[in-house]
PDB file of N, CA and C in Angstrom:
ATOM      1  N   UNK A   1       0.803  -1.134  -0.033  1.00  0.00           N
ATOM      2  CA  UNK A   1       0.025  -0.059  -0.010  1.00  0.00           C
ATOM      3  C   UNK A   1       0.897   1.306  -0.054  1.00  0.00           C
ATOM      4  N   UNK A   2       0.482   2.277  -0.686  1.00  0.00           N
ATOM      5  CA  UNK A   2       1.203   3.519  -0.718  1.00  0.00           C
ATOM      6  C   UNK A   2       0.319   4.670  -0.302  1.00  0.00           C
ATOM      7  N   UNK A   3       0.941   5.705   0.289  1.00  0.00           N
ATOM      8  CA  UNK A   3       0.201   6.888   0.702  1.00  0.00           C
ATOM      9  C   UNK A   3       0.951   8.119   0.410  1.00  0.00           C
ATOM     10  N   UNK A   4       0.372   9.127  -0.136  1.00  0.00           N
ATOM     11  CA  UNK A   4       1.041  10.428  -0.399  1.00  0.00           C
ATOM     12  C   UNK A   4       1.330  11.083   0.902  1.00  0.00           C
ATOM     13  N   UNK A   5       2.626  11.521   1.117  1.00  0.00           N
ATOM     14  CA  UNK A   5       3.045  12.073   2.305  1.00  0.00           C
ATOM     15  C   UNK A   5       3.869  13.289   2.111  1.00  0.00           C
ATOM     16  N   UNK A   6       3.923  14.226   3.005  1.00  0.00           N
ATOM     17  CA  UNK A   6       4.733  15.424   2.951  1.00  0.00           C
ATOM     18  C   UNK A   6       5.990  15.116   3.893  1.00  0.00           C
ATOM     19  N   UNK A   7       7.166  15.503   3.397  1.00  0.00           N
ATOM     20  CA  UNK A   7       8.372  15.155   4.080  1.00  0.00           C
ATOM     21  C   UNK A   7       8.749  16.299   5.020  1.00  0.00           C
ATOM     22  N   UNK A   8       9.171  15.924   6.264  1.00  0.00           N
ATOM     23  CA  UNK A   8       9.703  16.884   7.209  1.00  0.00           C
ATOM     24  C   UNK A   8      11.002  16.132   7.763  1.00  0.00           C
ATOM     25  N   UNK A   9      12.051  16.689   7.607  1.00  0.00           N
ATOM     26  CA  UNK A   9      13.409  16.036   8.031  1.00  0.00           C
ATOM     27  C   UNK A   9      13.921  16.639   9.222  1.00  0.00           C
ATOM     28  N   UNK A  10      14.790  15.906   9.957  1.00  0.00           N
ATOM     29  CA  UNK A  10      15.628  16.445  10.997  1.00  0.00           C
ATOM     30  C   UNK A  10      17.041  16.158  10.604  1.00  0.00           C
ATOM     31  N   UNK A  11      17.984  16.776  11.313  1.00  0.00           N
ATOM     32  CA  UNK A  11      19.467  16.486  11.041  1.00  0.00           C
ATOM     33  C   UNK A  11      19.871  15.203  11.844  1.00  0.00           C
ATOM     34  N   UNK A  12      18.966  14.688  12.619  1.00  0.00           N
ATOM     35  CA  UNK A  12      19.151  13.481  13.404  1.00  0.00           C
ATOM     36  C   UNK A  12      19.109  12.213  12.477  1.00  0.00           C
ATOM     37  N   UNK A  13      18.832  11.170  13.020  1.00  0.00           N
ATOM     38  CA  UNK A  13      18.725   9.941  12.216  1.00  0.00           C
ATOM     39  C   UNK A  13      17.250   9.499  11.919  1.00  0.00           C
ATOM     40  N   UNK A  14      16.277  10.295  12.319  1.00  0.00           N
ATOM     41  CA  UNK A  14      14.895   9.990  12.129  1.00  0.00           C
ATOM     42  C   UNK A  14      14.306  11.075  11.205  1.00  0.00           C
ATOM     43  N   UNK A  15      13.536  10.505  10.290  1.00  0.00           N
ATOM     44  CA  UNK A  15      12.822  11.316   9.225  1.00  0.00           C
ATOM     45  C   UNK A  15      11.245  11.150   9.516  1.00  0.00           C
ATOM     46  N   UNK A  16      10.618  12.327   9.468  1.00  0.00           N
ATOM     47  CA  UNK A  16       9.143  12.422   9.766  1.00  0.00           C
ATOM     48  C   UNK A  16       8.301  12.657   8.497  1.00  0.00           C
ATOM     49  N   UNK A  17       7.189  11.990   8.400  1.00  0.00           N
ATOM     50  CA  UNK A  17       6.335  12.137   7.221  1.00  0.00           C
ATOM     51  C   UNK A  17       4.924  12.391   7.765  1.00  0.00           C
ATOM     52  N   UNK A  18       4.067  13.063   6.959  1.00  0.00           N
ATOM     53  CA  UNK A  18       2.720  13.325   7.328  1.00  0.00           C
ATOM     54  C   UNK A  18       1.844  13.016   6.157  1.00  0.00           C
ATOM     55  N   UNK A  19       0.838  12.141   6.369  1.00  0.00           N
ATOM     56  CA  UNK A  19      -0.198  11.830   5.326  1.00  0.00           C
ATOM     57  C   UNK A  19      -0.876  13.099   4.983  1.00  0.00           C
ATOM     58  N   UNK A  20      -1.048  13.455   3.667  1.00  0.00           N
ATOM     59  CA  UNK A  20      -1.586  14.619   3.296  1.00  0.00           C
ATOM     60  C   UNK A  20      -3.125  14.634   3.233  1.00  0.00           C
ATOM     61  N   UNK A  21      -3.729  13.444   3.475  1.00  0.00           N
ATOM     62  CA  UNK A  21      -5.174  13.328   3.487  1.00  0.00           C
ATOM     63  C   UNK A  21      -5.722  13.360   4.921  1.00  0.00           C
ATOM     64  N   UNK A  22      -5.095  12.523   5.818  1.00  0.00           N
ATOM     65  CA  UNK A  22      -5.602  12.509   7.170  1.00  0.00           C
ATOM     66  C   UNK A  22      -4.736  13.120   8.288  1.00  0.00           C
ATOM     67  N   UNK A  23      -3.518  13.629   7.823  1.00  0.00           N
ATOM     68  CA  UNK A  23      -2.614  14.233   8.669  1.00  0.00           C
ATOM     69  C   UNK A  23      -1.859  13.319   9.702  1.00  0.00           C
ATOM     70  N   UNK A  24      -2.051  12.001   9.417  1.00  0.00           N
ATOM     71  CA  UNK A  24      -1.379  11.066  10.362  1.00  0.00           C
ATOM     72  C   UNK A  24       0.129  11.158  10.150  1.00  0.00           C
ATOM     73  N   UNK A  25       0.873  11.124  11.216  1.00  0.00           N
ATOM     74  CA  UNK A  25       2.329  11.221  11.094  1.00  0.00           C
ATOM     75  C   UNK A  25       2.988   9.925  11.406  1.00  0.00           C
ATOM     76  N   UNK A  26       4.086   9.677  10.637  1.00  0.00           N
ATOM     77  CA  UNK A  26       4.940   8.535  10.854  1.00  0.00           C
ATOM     78  C   UNK A  26       6.435   8.962  10.733  1.00  0.00           C
ATOM     79  N   UNK A  27       7.249   7.984  11.172  1.00  0.00           N
ATOM     80  CA  UNK A  27       8.655   8.331  11.028  1.00  0.00           C
ATOM     81  C   UNK A  27       9.376   7.029  10.597  1.00  0.00           C
ATOM     82  N   UNK A  28      10.564   7.231  10.008  1.00  0.00           N
ATOM     83  CA  UNK A  28      11.436   6.157   9.597  1.00  0.00           C
ATOM     84  C   UNK A  28      12.842   6.580   9.904  1.00  0.00           C
ATOM     85  N   UNK A  29      13.673   5.588  10.149  1.00  0.00           N
ATOM     86  CA  UNK A  29      15.156   5.877  10.354  1.00  0.00           C
ATOM     87  C   UNK A  29      15.882   5.963   9.118  1.00  0.00           C
ATOM     88  N   UNK A  30      17.071   6.624   9.226  1.00  0.00           N
ATOM     89  CA  UNK A  30      18.015   6.731   8.131  1.00  0.00           C
ATOM     90  C   UNK A  30      18.341   5.289   7.582  1.00  0.00           C
ATOM     91  N   UNK A  31      18.443   4.303   8.441  1.00  0.00           N
ATOM     92  CA  UNK A  31      18.792   2.948   7.987  1.00  0.00           C
ATOM     93  C   UNK A  31      17.584   2.331   7.129  1.00  0.00           C
ATOM     94  N   UNK A  32      16.376   2.553   7.544  1.00  0.00           N
ATOM     95  CA  UNK A  32      15.221   2.094   6.805  1.00  0.00           C
ATOM     96  C   UNK A  32      15.118   2.734   5.429  1.00  0.00           C
ATOM     97  N   UNK A  33      15.423   4.019   5.339  1.00  0.00           N
ATOM     98  CA  UNK A  33      15.287   4.646   4.124  1.00  0.00           C
ATOM     99  C   UNK A  33      16.439   4.500   3.137  1.00  0.00           C
ATOM    100  N   UNK A  34      17.601   4.150   3.586  1.00  0.00           N
ATOM    101  CA  UNK A  34      18.790   3.865   2.732  1.00  0.00           C
ATOM    102  C   UNK A  34      19.267   5.169   1.977  1.00  0.00           C
ATOM    103  N   UNK A  35      19.586   5.055   0.742  1.00  0.00           N
ATOM    104  CA  UNK A  35      19.988   6.167  -0.034  1.00  0.00           C
ATOM    105  C   UNK A  35      18.925   7.237  -0.362  1.00  0.00           C
ATOM    106  N   UNK A  36      17.711   6.860  -0.131  1.00  0.00           N
ATOM    107  CA  UNK A  36      16.580   7.784  -0.368  1.00  0.00           C
ATOM    108  C   UNK A  36      16.725   8.980   0.488  1.00  0.00           C
ATOM    109  N   UNK A  37      17.474   8.984   1.608  1.00  0.00           N
ATOM    110  CA  UNK A  37      17.600  10.128   2.436  1.00  0.00           C
ATOM    111  C   UNK A  37      18.349  11.396   1.746  1.00  0.00           C
ATOM    112  N   UNK A  38      19.119  11.049   0.657  1.00  0.00           N
ATOM    113  CA  UNK A  38      19.810  12.120  -0.037  1.00  0.00           C
ATOM    114  C   UNK A  38      18.738  12.992  -0.782  1.00  0.00           C
ATOM    115  N   UNK A  39      17.584  12.480  -1.043  1.00  0.00           N
ATOM    116  CA  UNK A  39      16.601  13.204  -1.884  1.00  0.00           C
ATOM    117  C   UNK A  39      15.461  13.699  -1.069  1.00  0.00           C
ATOM    118  N   UNK A  40      15.406  13.523   0.274  1.00  0.00           N
ATOM    119  CA  UNK A  40      14.337  13.981   1.104  1.00  0.00           C
ATOM    120  C   UNK A  40      14.523  15.414   1.511  1.00  0.00           C
ATOM    121  N   UNK A  41      13.814  16.231   0.869  1.00  0.00           N
ATOM    122  CA  UNK A  41      13.881  17.666   1.089  1.00  0.00           C
ATOM    123  C   UNK A  41      12.571  18.108   1.786  1.00  0.00           C
ATOM    124  N   UNK A  42      12.656  18.888   2.852  1.00  0.00           N
ATOM    125  CA  UNK A  42      11.459  19.299   3.629  1.00  0.00           C
ATOM    126  C   UNK A  42      10.293  19.793   2.582  1.00  0.00           C
ATOM    127  N   UNK A  43       9.107  19.379   2.782  1.00  0.00           N
ATOM    128  CA  UNK A  43       7.850  19.686   2.079  1.00  0.00           C
ATOM    129  C   UNK A  43       7.815  18.963   0.718  1.00  0.00           C
ATOM    130  N   UNK A  44       8.709  18.097   0.429  1.00  0.00           N
ATOM    131  CA  UNK A  44       8.546  17.322  -0.850  1.00  0.00           C
ATOM    132  C   UNK A  44       7.548  16.260  -0.700  1.00  0.00           C
ATOM    133  N   UNK A  45       6.685  16.125  -1.676  1.00  0.00           N
ATOM    134  CA  UNK A  45       5.633  15.025  -1.653  1.00  0.00           C
ATOM    135  C   UNK A  45       6.285  13.713  -2.138  1.00  0.00           C
ATOM    136  N   UNK A  46       6.170  12.712  -1.314  1.00  0.00           N
ATOM    137  CA  UNK A  46       6.694  11.343  -1.691  1.00  0.00           C
ATOM    138  C   UNK A  46       5.583  10.288  -1.337  1.00  0.00           C
ATOM    139  N   UNK A  47       5.687   9.120  -1.964  1.00  0.00           N
ATOM    140  CA  UNK A  47       4.756   8.061  -1.652  1.00  0.00           C
ATOM    141  C   UNK A  47       5.450   7.187  -0.565  1.00  0.00           C
ATOM    142  N   UNK A  48       4.743   7.007   0.638  1.00  0.00           N
ATOM    143  CA  UNK A  48       5.339   6.119   1.625  1.00  0.00           C
ATOM    144  C   UNK A  48       4.770   4.691   1.354  1.00  0.00           C
ATOM    145  N   UNK A  49       5.686   3.744   1.387  1.00  0.00           N
ATOM    146  CA  UNK A  49       5.286   2.408   1.090  1.00  0.00           C
ATOM    147  C   UNK A  49       5.065   1.639   2.453  1.00  0.00           C
ATOM    148  N   UNK A  50       4.033   0.836   2.573  1.00  0.00           N
ATOM    149  CA  UNK A  50       3.647   0.214   3.792  1.00  0.00           C
ATOM    150  C   UNK A  50       3.598  -1.307   3.532  1.00  0.00           C
ATOM    151  N   UNK A  51       3.976  -2.067   4.716  1.00  0.00           N
ATOM    152  CA  UNK A  51       3.747  -3.468   4.674  1.00  0.00           C
ATOM    153  C   UNK A  51       3.146  -3.714   6.096  1.00  0.00           C
ATOM    154  N   UNK A  52       1.943  -4.472   6.131  1.00  0.00           N
ATOM    155  CA  UNK A  52       1.299  -4.822   7.351  1.00  0.00           C
ATOM    156  C   UNK A  52       1.197  -3.557   8.230  1.00  0.00           C
ATOM    157  N   UNK A  53       0.769  -2.480   7.590  1.00  0.00           N
ATOM    158  CA  UNK A  53       0.484  -1.233   8.316  1.00  0.00           C
ATOM    159  C   UNK A  53       1.718  -0.445   8.931  1.00  0.00           C
ATOM    160  N   UNK A  54       2.892  -0.888   8.519  1.00  0.00           N
ATOM    161  CA  UNK A  54       4.091  -0.230   8.922  1.00  0.00           C
ATOM    162  C   UNK A  54       4.839   0.347   7.697  1.00  0.00           C
ATOM    163  N   UNK A  55       5.253   1.599   7.949  1.00  0.00           N
ATOM    164  CA  UNK A  55       5.977   2.245   6.860  1.00  0.00           C
ATOM    165  C   UNK A  55       7.324   1.670   6.649  1.00  0.00           C
ATOM    166  N   UNK A  56       7.617   1.189   5.445  1.00  0.00           N
ATOM    167  CA  UNK A  56       8.902   0.522   5.136  1.00  0.00           C
ATOM    168  C   UNK A  56       9.861   1.250   4.151  1.00  0.00           C
ATOM    169  N   UNK A  57       9.398   2.258   3.577  1.00  0.00           N
ATOM    170  CA  UNK A  57      10.188   2.994   2.652  1.00  0.00           C
ATOM    171  C   UNK A  57       9.499   4.047   1.864  1.00  0.00           C
ATOM    172  N   UNK A  58      10.139   4.733   0.996  1.00  0.00           N
ATOM    173  CA  UNK A  58       9.517   5.800   0.155  1.00  0.00           C
ATOM    174  C   UNK A  58       9.753   5.591  -1.336  1.00  0.00           C
ATOM    175  N   UNK A  59       8.690   5.986  -2.070  1.00  0.00           N
ATOM    176  CA  UNK A  59       8.741   5.960  -3.540  1.00  0.00           C
ATOM    177  C   UNK A  59       9.059   7.365  -4.006  1.00  0.00           C
ATOM    178  N   UNK A  60      10.314   7.683  -4.497  1.00  0.00           N
ATOM    179  CA  UNK A  60      10.686   9.014  -4.884  1.00  0.00           C
ATOM    180  C   UNK A  60      10.230   9.374  -6.260  1.00  0.00           C
ATOM    181  N   UNK A  61      10.079  10.680  -6.607  1.00  0.00           N
ATOM    182  CA  UNK A  61       9.757  11.088  -7.950  1.00  0.00           C
ATOM    183  C   UNK A  61      11.011  10.569  -8.820  1.00  0.00           C
ATOM    184  N   UNK A  62      10.688  10.401 -10.188  1.00  0.00           N
ATOM    185  CA  UNK A  62      11.767   9.957 -11.027  1.00  0.00           C
ATOM    186  C   UNK A  62      12.889  10.969 -11.130  1.00  0.00           C
ATOM    187  N   UNK A  63      12.633  12.253 -11.102  1.00  0.00           N
ATOM    188  CA  UNK A  63      13.664  13.302 -11.078  1.00  0.00           C
ATOM    189  C   UNK A  63      13.361  14.335 -10.044  1.00  0.00           C
ATOM    190  N   UNK A  64      14.341  15.003  -9.547  1.00  0.00           N
ATOM    191  CA  UNK A  64      14.165  16.045  -8.589  1.00  0.00           C
ATOM    192  C   UNK A  64      15.140  17.183  -8.952  1.00  0.00           C
ATOM    193  N   UNK A  65      14.657  18.408  -8.723  1.00  0.00           N
ATOM    194  CA  UNK A  65      15.496  19.587  -8.867  1.00  0.00           C
ATOM    195  C   UNK A  65      16.245  19.822  -7.566  1.00  0.00           C
ATOM    196  N   UNK A  66      17.598  19.962  -7.665  1.00  0.00           N
ATOM    197  CA  UNK A  66      18.374  20.104  -6.412  1.00  0.00           C
ATOM    198  C   UNK A  66      19.429  21.163  -6.613  1.00  0.00           C
ATOM    199  N   UNK A  67      19.873  21.762  -5.625  1.00  0.00           N
ATOM    200  CA  UNK A  67      20.834  22.868  -5.585  1.00  0.00           C
ATOM    201  C   UNK A  67      22.213  22.205  -5.313  1.00  0.00           C
ATOM    202  N   UNK A  68      23.260  22.529  -6.121  1.00  0.00           N
ATOM    203  CA  UNK A  68      24.591  21.930  -5.868  1.00  0.00           C
ATOM    204  C   UNK A  68      25.210  22.737  -4.729  1.00  0.00           C
ATOM    205  N   UNK A  69      25.599  21.986  -3.701  1.00  0.00           N
ATOM    206  CA  UNK A  69      26.191  22.594  -2.635  1.00  0.00           C
ATOM    207  C   UNK A  69      27.770  22.525  -2.493  1.00  0.00           C
ATOM    208  N   UNK A  70      28.237  21.475  -3.289  1.00  0.00           N
ATOM    209  CA  UNK A  70      29.721  21.279  -3.254  1.00  0.00           C
ATOM    210  C   UNK A  70      30.105  20.578  -4.560  1.00  0.00           C
ATOM    211  N   UNK A  71      31.186  21.086  -5.208  1.00  0.00           N
ATOM    212  CA  UNK A  71      31.674  20.454  -6.332  1.00  0.00           C
ATOM    213  C   UNK A  71      33.265  20.863  -6.452  1.00  0.00           C
ATOM    214  N   UNK A  72      34.010  20.075  -7.130  1.00  0.00           N
ATOM    215  CA  UNK A  72      35.386  20.461  -7.316  1.00  0.00           C
ATOM    216  C   UNK A  72      35.515  21.485  -8.373  1.00  0.00           C
ATOM    217  N   UNK A  73      36.474  22.356  -8.368  1.00  0.00           N
ATOM    218  CA  UNK A  73      36.671  23.331  -9.482  1.00  0.00           C
ATOM    219  C   UNK A  73      37.129  22.663 -10.728  1.00  0.00           C
ATOM    220  N   UNK A  74      36.773  23.162 -11.876  1.00  0.00           N
ATOM    221  CA  UNK A  74      37.121  22.607 -13.225  1.00  0.00           C
ATOM    222  C   UNK A  74      38.578  22.923 -13.338  1.00  0.00           C
ATOM    223  N   UNK A  75      39.336  21.960 -13.838  1.00  0.00           N
ATOM    224  CA  UNK A  75      40.715  22.029 -14.175  1.00  0.00           C
ATOM    225  C   UNK A  75      40.967  22.564 -15.589  1.00  0.00           C
ATOM    226  N   UNK A  76      41.574  23.655 -15.768  1.00  0.00           N
ATOM    227  CA  UNK A  76      41.670  24.366 -17.087  1.00  0.00           C
ATOM    228  C   UNK A  76      42.240  23.482 -18.261  1.00  0.00           C
ATOM    229  N   UNK A  77      43.382  22.759 -17.919  1.00  0.00           N
ATOM    230  CA  UNK A  77      44.054  22.036 -19.007  1.00  0.00           C
ATOM    231  C   UNK A  77      43.998  20.547 -18.734  1.00  0.00           C
ATOM    232  N   UNK A  78      42.917  20.047 -18.140  1.00  0.00           N
ATOM    233  CA  UNK A  78      42.942  18.694 -17.785  1.00  0.00           C
ATOM    234  C   UNK A  78      42.171  17.919 -18.956  1.00  0.00           C
ATOM    235  N   UNK A  79      42.443  16.608 -18.991  1.00  0.00           N
ATOM    236  CA  UNK A  79      41.687  15.764 -19.907  1.00  0.00           C
ATOM    237  C   UNK A  79      40.256  15.582 -19.416  1.00  0.00           C
ATOM    238  N   UNK A  80      39.357  15.153 -20.251  1.00  0.00           N
ATOM    239  CA  UNK A  80      37.995  14.977 -19.920  1.00  0.00           C
ATOM    240  C   UNK A  80      37.891  13.941 -18.772  1.00  0.00           C
ATOM    241  N   UNK A  81      38.670  12.793 -18.729  1.00  0.00           N
ATOM    242  CA  UNK A  81      38.601  11.802 -17.779  1.00  0.00           C
ATOM    243  C   UNK A  81      39.095  12.397 -16.414  1.00  0.00           C
ATOM    244  N   UNK A  82      40.093  13.272 -16.405  1.00  0.00           N
ATOM    245  CA  UNK A  82      40.545  13.869 -15.194  1.00  0.00           C
ATOM    246  C   UNK A  82      39.522  14.713 -14.558  1.00  0.00           C
ATOM    247  N   UNK A  83      38.837  15.548 -15.361  1.00  0.00           N
ATOM    248  CA  UNK A  83      37.761  16.323 -14.803  1.00  0.00           C
ATOM    249  C   UNK A  83      36.653  15.577 -14.284  1.00  0.00           C
ATOM    250  N   UNK A  84      36.153  14.529 -14.971  1.00  0.00           N
ATOM    251  CA  UNK A  84      35.149  13.648 -14.398  1.00  0.00           C
ATOM    252  C   UNK A  84      35.602  12.953 -13.025  1.00  0.00           C
ATOM    253  N   UNK A  85      36.848  12.515 -12.936  1.00  0.00           N
ATOM    254  CA  UNK A  85      37.329  11.875 -11.784  1.00  0.00           C
ATOM    255  C   UNK A  85      37.256  12.856 -10.573  1.00  0.00           C
ATOM    256  N   UNK A  86      37.661  14.055 -10.846  1.00  0.00           N
ATOM    257  CA  UNK A  86      37.709  15.125  -9.706  1.00  0.00           C
ATOM    258  C   UNK A  86      36.300  15.439  -9.345  1.00  0.00           C
ATOM    259  N   UNK A  87      35.319  15.441 -10.244  1.00  0.00           N
ATOM    260  CA  UNK A  87      33.906  15.825  -9.974  1.00  0.00           C
ATOM    261  C   UNK A  87      33.216  14.626  -9.299  1.00  0.00           C
ATOM    262  N   UNK A  88      33.685  13.410  -9.427  1.00  0.00           N
ATOM    263  CA  UNK A  88      33.041  12.224  -8.878  1.00  0.00           C
ATOM    264  C   UNK A  88      33.394  12.221  -7.327  1.00  0.00           C
ATOM    265  N   UNK A  89      34.493  12.856  -6.952  1.00  0.00           N
ATOM    266  CA  UNK A  89      34.955  12.682  -5.614  1.00  0.00           C
ATOM    267  C   UNK A  89      33.982  12.967  -4.508  1.00  0.00           C
ATOM    268  N   UNK A  90      33.228  14.053  -4.642  1.00  0.00           N
ATOM    269  CA  UNK A  90      32.313  14.400  -3.553  1.00  0.00           C
ATOM    270  C   UNK A  90      30.885  14.692  -4.078  1.00  0.00           C
ATOM    271  N   UNK A  91      30.512  14.213  -5.223  1.00  0.00           N
ATOM    272  CA  UNK A  91      29.312  14.621  -5.912  1.00  0.00           C
ATOM    273  C   UNK A  91      28.301  13.556  -5.534  1.00  0.00           C
ATOM    274  N   UNK A  92      27.555  13.754  -4.472  1.00  0.00           N
ATOM    275  CA  UNK A  92      26.495  12.846  -3.972  1.00  0.00           C
ATOM    276  C   UNK A  92      25.457  13.637  -3.468  1.00  0.00           C
ATOM    277  N   UNK A  93      24.053  13.492  -3.892  1.00  0.00           N
ATOM    278  CA  UNK A  93      23.708  12.653  -5.054  1.00  0.00           C
ATOM    279  C   UNK A  93      23.862  13.464  -6.241  1.00  0.00           C
ATOM    280  N   UNK A  94      23.794  12.873  -7.376  1.00  0.00           N
ATOM    281  CA  UNK A  94      23.907  13.500  -8.682  1.00  0.00           C
ATOM    282  C   UNK A  94      24.973  12.822  -9.611  1.00  0.00           C
ATOM    283  N   UNK A  95      25.552  11.871  -9.009  1.00  0.00           N
ATOM    284  CA  UNK A  95      26.475  11.068  -9.846  1.00  0.00           C
ATOM    285  C   UNK A  95      27.587  11.874 -10.443  1.00  0.00           C
ATOM    286  N   UNK A  96      27.971  11.367 -11.629  1.00  0.00           N
ATOM    287  CA  UNK A  96      29.113  12.164 -12.354  1.00  0.00           C
ATOM    288  C   UNK A  96      28.627  13.489 -12.740  1.00  0.00           C
ATOM    289  N   UNK A  97      29.400  14.498 -12.287  1.00  0.00           N
ATOM    290  CA  UNK A  97      28.919  15.918 -12.527  1.00  0.00           C
ATOM    291  C   UNK A  97      29.520  16.364 -13.818  1.00  0.00           C
ATOM    292  N   UNK A  98      28.696  17.280 -14.515  1.00  0.00           N
ATOM    293  CA  UNK A  98      29.157  17.823 -15.751  1.00  0.00           C
ATOM    294  C   UNK A  98      30.205  18.948 -15.350  1.00  0.00           C
ATOM    295  N   UNK A  99      31.213  19.107 -16.223  1.00  0.00           N
ATOM    296  CA  UNK A  99      32.231  20.064 -15.723  1.00  0.00           C
ATOM    297  C   UNK A  99      31.808  21.523 -15.726  1.00  0.00           C
ATOM    298  N   UNK A 100      30.666  21.880 -16.316  1.00  0.00           N
ATOM    299  CA  UNK A 100      30.211  23.236 -16.317  1.00  0.00           C
ATOM    300  C   UNK A 100      29.220  23.580 -15.158  1.00  0.00           C
ATOM    301  N   UNK A 101      28.967  22.564 -14.276  1.00  0.00           N
ATOM    302  CA  UNK A 101      28.141  22.770 -13.117  1.00  0.00           C
ATOM    303  C   UNK A 101      28.896  23.323 -12.014  1.00  0.00           C
ATOM    304  N   UNK A 102      28.320  24.396 -11.371  1.00  0.00           N
ATOM    305  CA  UNK A 102      29.174  25.051 -10.321  1.00  0.00           C
ATOM    306  C   UNK A 102      28.300  25.057  -8.976  1.00  0.00           C
ATOM    307  N   UNK A 103      28.917  25.282  -7.893  1.00  0.00           N
ATOM    308  CA  UNK A 103      28.225  25.412  -6.592  1.00  0.00           C
ATOM    309  C   UNK A 103      27.122  26.485  -6.747  1.00  0.00           C
ATOM    310  N   UNK A 104      25.935  26.173  -6.243  1.00  0.00           N
ATOM    311  CA  UNK A 104      24.801  27.145  -6.281  1.00  0.00           C
ATOM    312  C   UNK A 104      23.971  26.904  -7.415  1.00  0.00           C
ATOM    313  N   UNK A 105      24.337  26.171  -8.457  1.00  0.00           N
ATOM    314  CA  UNK A 105      23.493  25.899  -9.727  1.00  0.00           C
ATOM    315  C   UNK A 105      22.394  24.943  -9.246  1.00  0.00           C
ATOM    316  N   UNK A 106      21.229  25.063  -9.899  1.00  0.00           N
ATOM    317  CA  UNK A 106      20.138  24.143  -9.708  1.00  0.00           C
ATOM    318  C   UNK A 106      20.185  23.122 -10.862  1.00  0.00           C
ATOM    319  N   UNK A 107      20.164  21.816 -10.527  1.00  0.00           N
ATOM    320  CA  UNK A 107      20.184  20.826 -11.506  1.00  0.00           C
ATOM    321  C   UNK A 107      19.066  19.813 -11.312  1.00  0.00           C
ATOM    322  N   UNK A 108      18.734  19.102 -12.346  1.00  0.00           N
ATOM    323  CA  UNK A 108      17.732  18.016 -12.304  1.00  0.00           C
ATOM    324  C   UNK A 108      18.537  16.719 -12.162  1.00  0.00           C
ATOM    325  N   UNK A 109      18.118  15.833 -11.216  1.00  0.00           N
ATOM    326  CA  UNK A 109      18.796  14.602 -10.927  1.00  0.00           C
ATOM    327  C   UNK A 109      17.870  13.467 -11.058  1.00  0.00           C
ATOM    328  N   UNK A 110      18.372  12.375 -11.727  1.00  0.00           N
ATOM    329  CA  UNK A 110      17.586  11.121 -11.844  1.00  0.00           C
ATOM    330  C   UNK A 110      17.844  10.398 -10.521  1.00  0.00           C
ATOM    331  N   UNK A 111      16.748  10.268  -9.711  1.00  0.00           N
ATOM    332  CA  UNK A 111      16.793   9.704  -8.474  1.00  0.00           C
ATOM    333  C   UNK A 111      17.070   8.173  -8.507  1.00  0.00           C
ATOM    334  N   UNK A 112      16.751   7.471  -9.627  1.00  0.00           N
ATOM    335  CA  UNK A 112      16.910   5.989  -9.683  1.00  0.00           C
ATOM    336  C   UNK A 112      18.353   5.684  -9.859  1.00  0.00           C
ATOM    337  N   UNK A 113      19.142   6.550 -10.604  1.00  0.00           N
ATOM    338  CA  UNK A 113      20.534   6.268 -10.915  1.00  0.00           C
ATOM    339  C   UNK A 113      21.515   7.316 -10.350  1.00  0.00           C
ATOM    340  N   UNK A 114      20.959   8.193  -9.561  1.00  0.00           N
ATOM    341  CA  UNK A 114      21.765   9.201  -8.894  1.00  0.00           C
ATOM    342  C   UNK A 114      22.725   9.902  -9.966  1.00  0.00           C
ATOM    343  N   UNK A 115      22.072  10.373 -11.029  1.00  0.00           N
ATOM    344  CA  UNK A 115      22.986  10.978 -12.142  1.00  0.00           C
ATOM    345  C   UNK A 115      22.351  12.327 -12.508  1.00  0.00           C
ATOM    346  N   UNK A 116      23.145  13.239 -12.950  1.00  0.00           N
ATOM    347  CA  UNK A 116      22.838  14.545 -13.552  1.00  0.00           C
ATOM    348  C   UNK A 116      22.007  14.418 -14.778  1.00  0.00           C
ATOM    349  N   UNK A 117      20.982  15.142 -14.921  1.00  0.00           N
ATOM    350  CA  UNK A 117      20.143  15.119 -16.124  1.00  0.00           C
ATOM    351  C   UNK A 117      20.320  16.359 -16.987  1.00  0.00           C
ATOM    352  N   UNK A 118      20.056  17.476 -16.293  1.00  0.00           N
ATOM    353  CA  UNK A 118      20.223  18.814 -17.027  1.00  0.00           C
ATOM    354  C   UNK A 118      20.186  19.955 -15.939  1.00  0.00           C
ATOM    355  N   UNK A 119      20.564  21.115 -16.434  1.00  0.00           N
ATOM    356  CA  UNK A 119      20.513  22.340 -15.582  1.00  0.00           C
ATOM    357  C   UNK A 119      19.063  22.727 -15.429  1.00  0.00           C
ATOM    358  N   UNK A 120      18.712  23.458 -14.362  1.00  0.00           N
ATOM    359  CA  UNK A 120      17.381  23.958 -14.209  1.00  0.00           C
ATOM    360  C   UNK A 120      17.542  25.505 -14.057  1.00  0.00           C
ATOM    361  N   UNK A 121      16.762  26.247 -14.927  1.00  0.00           N
ATOM    362  CA  UNK A 121      16.761  27.650 -14.907  1.00  0.00           C
ATOM    363  C   UNK A 121      16.049  28.258 -13.664  1.00  0.00           C
TER     364      UNK A 121
END
C-alpha cells in the first residue's frame, strides 16, 4: 500500500512524514530509508510504502531539482577523464557531474541512478 506524504526532516537519524489526507504522522530511520535520504527535502511530496500497516520505505519522484552545494573546481588544461574523476569525488547525489556545473547551480537529478540530467533555470 502507498500513501502520499509530505516530508519533514531532522538532522538526526529520524525522518518524519505526514499523510496529506488524514494528517497522520509517521517516522522512519536513516537505515530504513537507505540512499533515499539524499533526496528527502522538507515539504517534498513522496509516496510512503507500507507493509502490514508499517511504513517501510518511500517511492521518490523519477527526477528532482536540487541545488549543488559542493563540487570540485574545473581544471583548465585537464583531460575529460581527469575532470570527471575530480567531480566524482564528492558529488553525491547527482552522480558524475558535468564540468560546467558550479556550486549554487540548480540541476535536475535522476533519483533512480543518482545522475545529472540537466541544468534547471
